Amino acid sequence: MHPAVDTRSTRRLARLPIALALLVAVAALGAWRAPDAGAVVPTADWLEALDAPNRMLFDAPSSNNGVPLVHALNYMNSWNAAGAEDADIDAVITLYGATTFHGLDDSMWAKYGLGAVMGENDLAGAPYEVNPWRTAPVFDGATLPPASIEALSDRGATFIMCNNALTYFAGKVAAAHGLDAEVVYGDMKAHILPDVTLVPAMVVALDRAQQAGLSYHRQ
């Protein structure tokens, strides 16, 4: 049985500025018991697999109406047009801040009302009840399946989610709905998309990626 979602609390959470939330995240995380990190992949593990000659990281703390996905798609297609195969291209897209929940499956979006939480609406103007980035992101008023997480992952793109961000924002959702933060975190962690890799901290992942020589594209 899914927990009842308090729509008033959801609206209040939706109004919480993401920037403010990120500013207080460090202090909030320090007060919590460290979560089980059994599924968290060390940066070196996913980074060492990126051995293509063309490598770019798309730093996406904001969904920006699907622009990060479109940029990644454009990057891969442009290299294809120049003669490179998908195997010669490594595109890495980050999921943290306002994009954290885009790494979760549809059941989490429905269960916790994440469309309303993130203020993201479908083409009819209603909050998403499914993760729009999974298979059918919308860009400039049109659905663009080739830019989805599943489609890009099938071509070799890498999606990484910040565990610190997931822990923090799961706690905010839990507080809004009167639920236990660790239970909500565990629930969300168990429903990360199979094409998404959970990393300990995005700030470290970004640092390591730059040290490894990946090009950087801020979204």
Protein backbone atom coordinates (compact mmCIF):
# COMPACT_ATOMS: atom_id res chain seq x y z
CA MET A 1 0.00 0.00 0.00
CA HIS A 2 1.47 3.33 -1.01
CA PRO A 3 1.56 6.04 1.69
CA ALA A 4 -1.00 8.77 1.31
CA VAL A 5 0.47 11.88 -0.24
CA ASP A 6 -0.40 15.15 1.45
CA THR A 7 -0.85 17.48 -1.53
CA ARG A 8 -0.47 20.58 0.66
CA SER A 9 2.86 19.32 1.91
CA THR A 10 3.86 18.46 -1.63
CA ARG A 11 3.11 21.98 -2.78
CA ARG A 12 5.10 23.41 0.12
CA LEU A 13 8.05 21.21 -0.79
CA ALA A 14 7.75 22.21 -4.44
CA ARG A 15 8.17 25.84 -3.42
CA LEU A 16 11.40 25.11 -1.57
CA PRO A 17 14.15 26.73 -3.66
CA ILE A 18 16.56 24.05 -4.81
CA ALA A 19 19.48 26.41 -4.35
CA LEU A 20 18.54 26.99 -0.70
CA ALA A 21 18.09 23.28 -0.19
CA LEU A 22 21.56 22.60 -1.51
CA LEU A 23 23.06 25.27 0.74
CA VAL A 24 21.70 23.62 3.86
CA ALA A 25 22.29 20.07 2.65
CA VAL A 26 25.75 19.73 4.15
CA ALA A 27 24.57 20.70 7.61
CA ALA A 28 21.52 18.46 7.38
CA LEU A 29 23.48 15.46 6.19
CA GLY A 30 25.90 15.81 9.06
CA ALA A 31 23.08 15.21 11.53
CA TRP A 32 21.87 11.98 9.90
CA ARG A 33 23.07 8.44 10.44
CA ALA A 34 25.22 7.40 7.49
CA PRO A 35 23.09 5.38 5.05
CA ASP A 36 23.97 1.93 3.86
CA ALA A 37 26.34 2.47 0.94
CA GLY A 38 26.21 -1.09 -0.36
CA ALA A 39 25.01 -0.05 -3.81
CA VAL A 40 27.19 3.03 -4.11
CA VAL A 41 29.86 2.62 -6.79
CA PRO A 42 33.27 4.21 -6.11
CA THR A 43 34.19 6.88 -8.64
CA ALA A 44 37.19 4.93 -9.91
CA ASP A 45 35.03 1.98 -10.97
CA TRP A 46 32.72 3.77 -13.41
CA LEU A 47 35.34 6.30 -14.47
CA GLU A 48 37.89 3.70 -15.51
CA ALA A 49 35.34 2.22 -17.92
CA LEU A 50 35.28 5.48 -19.90
CA ASP A 51 38.01 4.74 -22.43
CA ALA A 52 36.58 6.23 -25.63
CA PRO A 53 38.65 8.86 -27.46
CA ASN A 54 35.79 11.42 -27.23
CA ARG A 55 34.63 12.02 -23.66
CA MET A 56 32.45 14.77 -22.23
CA LEU A 57 30.66 15.23 -18.91
CA PHE A 58 27.34 17.09 -18.96
CA ASP A 59 26.98 18.69 -15.53
CA ALA A 60 23.22 18.88 -14.95
CA PRO A 61 22.06 20.05 -11.50
CA SER A 62 18.95 21.55 -13.19
CA SER A 63 16.53 19.79 -15.53
CA ASN A 64 16.25 22.95 -17.65
CA ASN A 65 13.33 21.54 -19.66
CA GLY A 66 15.33 18.54 -20.83
CA VAL A 67 18.25 20.52 -22.22
CA PRO A 68 20.96 18.28 -20.64
CA LEU A 69 19.57 15.24 -22.44
CA VAL A 70 19.33 17.11 -25.73
CA HIS A 71 22.93 18.29 -25.39
CA ALA A 72 24.12 14.74 -24.76
CA LEU A 73 22.14 13.49 -27.75
CA ASN A 74 23.53 16.27 -29.92
CA TYR A 75 27.07 15.43 -28.77
CA MET A 76 26.72 11.78 -29.75
CA ASN A 77 24.94 12.49 -33.03
CA SER A 78 27.47 15.14 -34.03
CA TRP A 79 30.36 12.76 -33.51
CA ASN A 80 28.45 10.14 -35.50
CA ALA A 81 28.09 12.63 -38.34
CA ALA A 82 31.85 13.20 -38.18
CA GLY A 83 32.46 9.48 -38.62
CA ALA A 84 32.77 8.27 -35.02
CA GLU A 85 30.90 5.20 -33.84
CA ASP A 86 28.99 5.21 -30.54
CA ALA A 87 31.77 3.05 -29.12
CA ASP A 88 34.13 5.99 -29.70
CA ILE A 89 31.99 8.33 -27.60
CA ASP A 90 31.58 8.58 -23.82
CA ALA A 91 28.84 10.98 -22.70
CA VAL A 92 28.36 11.29 -18.93
CA ILE A 93 25.25 12.99 -17.51
CA THR A 94 25.06 13.93 -13.82
CA LEU A 95 21.95 13.57 -11.66
CA TYR A 96 21.97 15.71 -8.53
CA GLY A 97 20.24 18.82 -7.23
CA ALA A 98 17.03 19.31 -9.20
CA THR A 99 17.76 16.30 -11.43
CA THR A 100 18.29 13.77 -8.63
CA PHE A 101 14.84 12.20 -8.88
CA HIS A 102 15.21 11.72 -12.65
CA GLY A 103 17.34 8.72 -11.77
CA LEU A 104 14.39 6.93 -10.12
CA ASP A 105 11.83 4.64 -11.73
CA ASP A 106 8.19 5.49 -12.43
CA SER A 107 6.91 3.87 -9.23
CA MET A 108 8.74 6.45 -7.10
CA TRP A 109 7.34 9.35 -9.12
CA ALA A 110 3.82 8.04 -8.60
CA LYS A 111 4.27 7.03 -4.98
CA TYR A 112 5.75 10.29 -3.72
CA GLY A 113 4.25 12.74 -6.21
CA LEU A 114 7.67 13.76 -7.50
CA GLY A 115 6.27 15.62 -10.49
CA ALA A 116 4.57 18.03 -8.09
CA VAL A 117 7.61 18.08 -5.80
CA MET A 118 9.89 19.13 -8.66
CA GLY A 119 7.32 21.37 -10.34
CA GLU A 120 7.56 19.41 -13.58
CA ASN A 121 4.41 19.10 -15.67
CA ASP A 122 3.50 17.09 -18.75
CA LEU A 123 2.28 18.60 -22.02
CA ALA A 124 -1.25 18.77 -20.61
CA GLY A 125 -0.02 20.87 -17.68
CA ALA A 126 -0.44 18.16 -15.01
CA PRO A 127 2.40 17.08 -12.71
CA TYR A 128 4.22 14.04 -14.07
CA GLU A 129 3.22 10.75 -12.47
CA VAL A 130 6.09 8.97 -14.26
CA ASN A 131 9.74 9.86 -14.74
CA PRO A 132 9.75 11.86 -18.00
CA TRP A 133 13.46 11.36 -18.56
CA ARG A 134 13.24 7.56 -18.53
CA THR A 135 11.74 7.01 -21.98
CA ALA A 136 9.96 10.15 -23.18
CA PRO A 137 11.54 13.48 -22.23
CA VAL A 138 9.84 16.61 -23.50
CA PHE A 139 11.85 19.39 -25.11
CA ASP A 140 10.43 22.56 -26.65
CA GLY A 141 6.90 21.18 -26.54
CA ALA A 142 7.71 17.88 -28.23
CA THR A 143 8.44 14.40 -26.92
CA LEU A 144 11.96 13.26 -27.78
CA PRO A 145 12.46 9.53 -27.02
CA PRO A 146 16.00 9.39 -28.56
CA ALA A 147 17.15 11.73 -25.77
CA SER A 148 15.79 9.55 -22.96
CA ILE A 149 17.91 7.89 -20.29
CA GLU A 150 17.13 4.46 -21.71
CA ALA A 151 17.88 5.41 -25.32
CA LEU A 152 21.13 7.23 -24.51
CA SER A 153 22.23 4.44 -22.17
CA ASP A 154 21.61 1.88 -24.91
CA ARG A 155 24.06 3.86 -27.03
CA GLY A 156 26.69 3.85 -24.27
CA ALA A 157 26.02 7.05 -22.33
CA THR A 158 26.66 6.99 -18.58
CA PHE A 159 24.30 8.44 -15.95
CA ILE A 160 25.59 9.03 -12.42
CA MET A 161 23.50 9.99 -9.38
CA CYS A 162 24.82 11.63 -6.22
CA ASN A 163 24.14 9.60 -3.06
CA ASN A 164 24.45 12.70 -0.87
CA ALA A 165 21.75 14.43 -2.94
CA LEU A 166 19.48 11.38 -2.88
CA THR A 167 19.84 11.12 0.89
CA TYR A 168 19.06 14.78 1.42
CA PHE A 169 16.11 15.10 -0.94
CA ALA A 170 14.61 11.80 0.18
CA GLY A 171 14.63 13.32 3.65
CA LYS A 172 12.81 16.42 2.45
CA VAL A 173 10.13 14.29 0.78
CA ALA A 174 9.81 12.19 3.94
CA ALA A 175 9.40 15.28 6.11
CA ALA A 176 6.73 16.71 3.81
CA HIS A 177 4.70 13.48 3.99
CA GLY A 178 5.32 12.68 7.66
CA LEU A 179 7.39 9.58 6.84
CA ASP A 180 10.67 8.18 8.13
CA ALA A 181 13.62 9.63 6.21
CA GLU A 182 15.69 6.46 6.24
CA VAL A 183 12.74 4.39 5.00
CA VAL A 184 12.08 6.76 2.11
CA TYR A 185 15.79 6.88 1.26
CA GLY A 186 15.95 3.08 1.25
CA ASP A 187 12.84 2.88 -0.90
CA MET A 188 14.23 5.32 -3.45
CA LYS A 189 17.65 3.71 -3.45
CA ALA A 190 16.03 0.35 -4.24
CA HIS A 191 14.24 1.91 -7.22
CA ILE A 192 17.12 3.62 -9.02
CA LEU A 193 16.92 3.03 -12.76
CA PRO A 194 19.13 0.15 -13.90
CA ASP A 195 20.97 2.49 -16.28
CA VAL A 196 21.93 4.88 -13.45
CA THR A 197 25.04 4.50 -11.28
CA LEU A 198 24.91 5.78 -7.70
CA VAL A 199 28.15 7.52 -6.70
CA PRO A 200 29.10 8.70 -3.19
CA ALA A 201 29.38 12.45 -3.88
CA MET A 202 28.96 14.37 -7.11
CA VAL A 203 31.56 16.96 -6.14
CA VAL A 204 34.17 14.19 -5.99
CA ALA A 205 32.90 12.58 -9.21
CA LEU A 206 33.20 15.90 -11.03
CA ASP A 207 36.69 16.43 -9.65
CA ARG A 208 37.85 12.95 -10.65
CA ALA A 209 36.31 13.24 -14.11
CA GLN A 210 38.15 16.49 -14.76
CA GLN A 211 41.38 14.97 -13.48
CA ALA A 212 40.84 12.08 -15.91
CA GLY A 213 40.60 14.51 -18.80
CA LEU A 214 36.88 14.51 -19.63
CA SER A 215 35.64 17.66 -21.33
CA TYR A 216 33.14 19.62 -19.25
CA HIS A 217 29.79 21.04 -20.37
CA ARG A 218 27.74 22.97 -17.79
CA GLN A 219 23.99 22.65 -18.29
